[in-house]
């Protein structure tokens, strides 16, 4: 199964959202999310999702590991095929897509071509909890960094393997995961998905299940945002979640 390709773009079909990538004398047709920066004769690298069916094998390419992971997630949703999944990634940044899932922003997702309100609801309902089980969504690796090994260093360190190890560590180092059992520290407003995940980790440390914590943090964040508050941080969201919990106990 092909998982990665590096080569030169020798053909581009904007209508089909595909390119032909020449790698070691072989031309691979690769379908990619629409982007304006890719040009002919450009050297480029892609994480590849090999889509296999009885009558065909299709390659889908992505510049980052996060894009490929989201593409894979979307294919798990009923009535979402690879063509629509590529359209989603063409219409929205992968980081913003995670924000949409964690904040359950149906209206933002339904604005993408080919996705109405009903399908947006289905995507969010089916995927919002799955992101907790996919650590790969926390880190984002660029495909162009995978092949940037210094072969001179590898040759000079052939006995120790230090050249290869150092380059691999540099290319593949993941973004640190949030610490699950530490209380949140005061922080400025930032990425909604990070704030919700950090707040849910704090609630989990207090004894609530991971799923309960995530759903509660997502719900309260949405309520705060709908109320017109924009400067939401982890500490503030966690406090509001606890207020909400105590209000239910007093009913």
Protein backbone atom coordinates (compact mmCIF):
# COMPACT_ATOMS: atom_id res chain seq x y z
CA UNK A 1 0.00 0.00 0.00
CA UNK A 2 1.37 3.42 -0.96
CA UNK A 3 1.57 5.77 2.03
CA UNK A 4 3.96 8.49 0.83
CA UNK A 5 5.14 9.93 -2.49
CA UNK A 6 7.73 12.51 -3.38
CA UNK A 7 8.29 13.76 -6.91
CA UNK A 8 7.67 16.40 -9.57
CA UNK A 9 4.25 17.64 -10.65
CA UNK A 10 4.12 17.08 -14.43
CA UNK A 11 0.37 17.53 -15.00
CA UNK A 12 -2.52 19.18 -13.21
CA UNK A 13 -6.26 18.86 -13.78
CA UNK A 14 -8.10 21.52 -11.80
CA UNK A 15 -11.52 20.22 -12.79
CA UNK A 16 -10.81 16.75 -11.41
CA UNK A 17 -8.69 18.15 -8.56
CA UNK A 18 -5.88 15.80 -9.52
CA UNK A 19 -2.23 15.86 -10.51
CA UNK A 20 0.26 13.47 -12.07
CA UNK A 21 3.29 13.16 -9.83
CA UNK A 22 6.44 11.76 -11.44
CA UNK A 23 8.48 9.76 -8.95
CA UNK A 24 11.48 7.68 -10.08
CA UNK A 25 10.25 7.64 -13.66
CA UNK A 26 6.68 6.58 -12.79
CA UNK A 27 3.69 8.93 -13.07
CA UNK A 28 1.09 8.56 -10.32
CA UNK A 29 -2.36 10.13 -10.61
CA UNK A 30 -3.07 11.67 -7.22
CA UNK A 31 -6.30 13.43 -6.18
CA UNK A 32 -5.67 16.33 -3.82
CA UNK A 33 -7.67 19.07 -2.06
CA UNK A 34 -7.93 22.16 -4.25
CA UNK A 35 -5.13 24.65 -3.74
CA UNK A 36 -3.66 27.48 -5.76
CA UNK A 37 -0.01 27.20 -4.74
CA UNK A 38 0.86 23.94 -6.54
CA UNK A 39 2.43 24.54 -9.96
CA UNK A 40 3.77 22.42 -12.82
CA UNK A 41 7.35 21.13 -12.48
CA UNK A 42 7.20 21.80 -8.76
CA UNK A 43 8.79 19.22 -6.48
CA UNK A 44 6.29 18.19 -3.85
CA UNK A 45 5.64 15.53 -1.22
CA UNK A 46 2.38 13.93 -0.14
CA UNK A 47 1.02 11.60 2.49
CA UNK A 48 -1.03 9.13 0.47
CA UNK A 49 -4.33 7.46 1.29
CA UNK A 50 -4.74 4.41 -0.95
CA UNK A 51 -8.45 3.95 -1.60
CA UNK A 52 -9.12 0.37 -2.74
CA UNK A 53 -12.31 -0.91 -4.33
CA UNK A 54 -13.04 -4.00 -6.43
CA UNK A 55 -12.90 -2.08 -9.70
CA UNK A 56 -10.21 0.53 -8.95
CA UNK A 57 -7.36 1.75 -6.79
CA UNK A 58 -7.24 5.53 -6.26
CA UNK A 59 -4.54 7.63 -4.60
CA UNK A 60 -5.41 10.70 -2.52
CA UNK A 61 -2.59 13.02 -1.50
CA UNK A 62 -2.21 15.43 1.41
CA UNK A 63 0.53 17.85 2.43
CA UNK A 64 0.09 17.12 6.15
CA UNK A 65 -0.64 14.10 8.31
CA UNK A 66 -3.60 15.96 9.85
CA UNK A 67 -5.29 16.34 6.46
CA UNK A 68 -4.88 12.63 5.78
CA UNK A 69 -6.25 11.72 9.22
CA UNK A 70 -9.32 13.93 8.74
CA UNK A 71 -9.88 12.42 5.28
CA UNK A 72 -9.80 8.95 6.85
CA UNK A 73 -12.27 10.05 9.54
CA UNK A 74 -14.69 11.49 7.00
CA UNK A 75 -14.77 8.21 5.09
CA UNK A 76 -16.17 6.56 8.24
CA UNK A 77 -19.31 8.70 7.99
CA UNK A 78 -22.31 7.23 6.20
CA UNK A 79 -22.82 8.62 2.68
CA UNK A 80 -19.48 10.45 2.69
CA UNK A 81 -17.21 9.18 -0.07
CA UNK A 82 -13.67 10.24 -1.00
CA UNK A 83 -14.83 12.88 -3.49
CA UNK A 84 -16.92 14.68 -0.85
CA UNK A 85 -14.15 14.26 1.74
CA UNK A 86 -11.71 16.00 -0.62
CA UNK A 87 -14.28 18.76 -1.17
CA UNK A 88 -14.51 19.30 2.60
CA UNK A 89 -10.73 19.62 2.89
CA UNK A 90 -10.73 21.97 -0.10
CA UNK A 91 -13.30 24.22 1.54
CA UNK A 92 -11.94 24.43 5.06
CA UNK A 93 -8.59 24.37 6.83
CA UNK A 94 -7.94 21.12 8.70
CA UNK A 95 -7.43 22.96 12.00
CA UNK A 96 -10.73 24.76 11.55
CA UNK A 97 -12.41 21.44 10.84
CA UNK A 98 -11.35 20.17 14.27
CA UNK A 99 -12.71 23.39 15.77
CA UNK A 100 -16.04 22.75 14.04
CA UNK A 101 -16.20 19.24 15.50
CA UNK A 102 -15.32 20.27 19.04
CA UNK A 103 -17.66 23.27 19.05
CA UNK A 104 -20.32 21.36 17.07
CA UNK A 105 -20.70 24.28 14.65
CA UNK A 106 -23.25 22.84 12.21
CA UNK A 107 -23.82 26.12 10.37
CA UNK A 108 -20.12 26.52 9.47
CA UNK A 109 -19.84 22.99 8.14
CA UNK A 110 -23.09 23.18 6.15
CA UNK A 111 -21.70 26.11 4.15
CA UNK A 112 -19.25 23.83 2.35
CA UNK A 113 -20.35 22.84 -1.15
CA UNK A 114 -22.10 19.45 -1.18
CA UNK A 115 -22.90 19.45 2.54
CA UNK A 116 -26.34 20.52 3.72
CA UNK A 117 -27.50 20.89 7.28
CA UNK A 118 -28.56 17.24 7.65
CA UNK A 119 -25.20 15.91 6.45
CA UNK A 120 -23.32 18.43 8.58
CA UNK A 121 -25.22 17.22 11.64
CA UNK A 122 -24.41 13.60 10.80
CA UNK A 123 -20.70 14.32 10.32
CA UNK A 124 -20.44 16.14 13.64
CA UNK A 125 -22.50 13.57 15.56
CA UNK A 126 -20.47 10.64 14.20
CA UNK A 127 -17.02 12.20 14.51
CA UNK A 128 -17.09 14.50 17.56
CA UNK A 129 -16.29 11.67 19.98
CA UNK A 130 -13.92 9.79 17.66
CA UNK A 131 -11.35 12.59 17.81
CA UNK A 132 -10.66 11.62 21.44
CA UNK A 133 -9.51 8.20 20.26
CA UNK A 134 -7.23 9.45 17.47
CA UNK A 135 -3.95 10.79 18.94
CA UNK A 136 -2.73 11.49 15.39
CA UNK A 137 -5.17 14.42 15.28
CA UNK A 138 -3.19 16.18 18.00
CA UNK A 139 0.03 16.29 15.96
CA UNK A 140 0.57 17.56 12.43
CA UNK A 141 3.54 16.53 10.32
CA UNK A 142 4.33 18.06 6.95
CA UNK A 143 4.98 15.57 4.16
CA UNK A 144 7.83 17.73 2.85
CA UNK A 145 9.73 17.15 6.10
CA UNK A 146 9.66 13.36 5.86
CA UNK A 147 12.24 13.11 3.10
CA UNK A 148 14.59 15.87 4.24
CA UNK A 149 17.36 13.57 5.42
CA UNK A 150 20.99 14.63 5.09
CA UNK A 151 22.45 11.64 3.25
CA UNK A 152 25.99 12.90 3.82
CA UNK A 153 25.40 12.78 7.55
CA UNK A 154 23.91 9.30 7.26
CA UNK A 155 27.01 8.07 5.43
CA UNK A 156 29.41 9.64 7.90
CA UNK A 157 27.52 8.10 10.82
CA UNK A 158 26.82 4.71 9.25
CA UNK A 159 28.15 2.84 12.28
CA UNK A 160 26.20 4.78 14.90
CA UNK A 161 23.10 5.64 12.83
CA UNK A 162 23.13 9.07 14.46
CA UNK A 163 22.55 10.98 11.23
CA UNK A 164 19.38 9.07 10.40
CA UNK A 165 18.07 9.14 13.96
CA UNK A 166 18.57 12.89 14.31
CA UNK A 167 16.87 13.66 11.02
CA UNK A 168 13.97 11.33 11.73
CA UNK A 169 13.49 12.81 15.19
CA UNK A 170 13.44 16.28 13.70
CA UNK A 171 10.98 15.39 10.94
CA UNK A 172 8.62 13.23 12.94
CA UNK A 173 8.56 14.91 16.35
CA UNK A 174 4.85 15.24 17.28
CA UNK A 175 3.25 18.23 18.92
CA UNK A 176 3.14 17.52 22.70
CA UNK A 177 -0.17 16.11 23.91
CA UNK A 178 -2.13 18.05 26.54
CA UNK A 179 -1.36 16.84 30.07
CA UNK A 180 -4.53 14.93 31.10
CA UNK A 181 -4.28 15.13 34.86
CA UNK A 182 -3.15 18.69 35.55
CA UNK A 183 -5.54 21.52 36.47
CA UNK A 184 -5.74 24.19 33.78
CA UNK A 185 -3.52 27.25 34.01
CA UNK A 186 -4.71 30.76 33.13
CA UNK A 187 -4.36 31.25 29.38
CA UNK A 188 -5.35 33.74 26.75
CA UNK A 189 -8.13 32.98 24.30
CA UNK A 190 -6.83 30.67 21.59
CA UNK A 191 -7.71 27.71 19.42
CA UNK A 192 -11.22 26.48 20.37
CA UNK A 193 -10.34 22.79 19.93
CA UNK A 194 -7.29 23.16 22.22
CA UNK A 195 -9.32 24.99 24.87
CA UNK A 196 -12.12 22.40 24.82
CA UNK A 197 -9.69 19.46 24.97
CA UNK A 198 -7.69 21.03 27.82
CA UNK A 199 -10.86 21.81 29.76
CA UNK A 200 -12.20 18.28 29.25
CA UNK A 201 -8.88 16.90 30.56
CA UNK A 202 -9.31 19.01 33.70
CA UNK A 203 -12.85 17.68 34.21
CA UNK A 204 -11.58 14.14 33.66
CA UNK A 205 -9.03 14.69 36.42
CA UNK A 206 -11.95 15.52 38.72
CA UNK A 207 -13.46 12.10 38.14
CA UNK A 208 -15.77 12.52 35.15
CA UNK A 209 -15.46 10.14 32.21
CA UNK A 210 -13.55 11.27 29.13
CA UNK A 211 -16.68 11.26 26.98
CA UNK A 212 -18.78 13.15 29.57
CA UNK A 213 -16.02 15.71 30.02
CA UNK A 214 -15.60 16.33 26.29
CA UNK A 215 -19.33 16.62 25.59
CA UNK A 216 -19.83 18.98 28.55
CA UNK A 217 -16.89 21.21 27.60
CA UNK A 218 -18.11 21.35 23.99
CA UNK A 219 -21.67 22.23 25.04
CA UNK A 220 -20.66 24.93 27.52
CA UNK A 221 -18.16 26.46 25.07
CA UNK A 222 -20.89 26.72 22.44
CA UNK A 223 -23.29 28.32 24.96
CA UNK A 224 -20.67 30.89 25.97
CA UNK A 225 -19.84 31.69 22.35
CA UNK A 226 -23.53 31.98 21.41
CA UNK A 227 -23.89 34.43 24.29
CA UNK A 228 -21.46 36.80 22.58
CA UNK A 229 -18.32 36.10 24.63
CA UNK A 230 -15.21 35.76 22.45
CA UNK A 231 -12.27 35.85 24.89
CA UNK A 232 -12.74 32.28 26.17
CA UNK A 233 -9.77 30.51 27.75
CA UNK A 234 -9.24 27.12 29.40
CA UNK A 235 -9.60 28.36 32.98
CA UNK A 236 -12.78 30.28 32.23
CA UNK A 237 -14.36 27.39 30.34
CA UNK A 238 -13.57 24.92 33.12
CA UNK A 239 -15.15 27.22 35.73
CA UNK A 240 -18.27 27.59 33.60
CA UNK A 241 -18.46 23.80 33.22
CA UNK A 242 -18.33 23.37 37.00
CA UNK A 243 -21.02 26.02 37.45
CA UNK A 244 -23.19 24.14 34.97
CA UNK A 245 -22.65 20.86 36.84
CA UNK A 246 -23.59 22.42 40.18
CA UNK A 247 -26.65 24.10 38.71
CA UNK A 248 -27.95 20.69 37.59
CA UNK A 249 -27.43 19.28 41.08
CA UNK A 250 -29.57 22.04 42.57
CA UNK A 251 -32.52 21.43 40.27
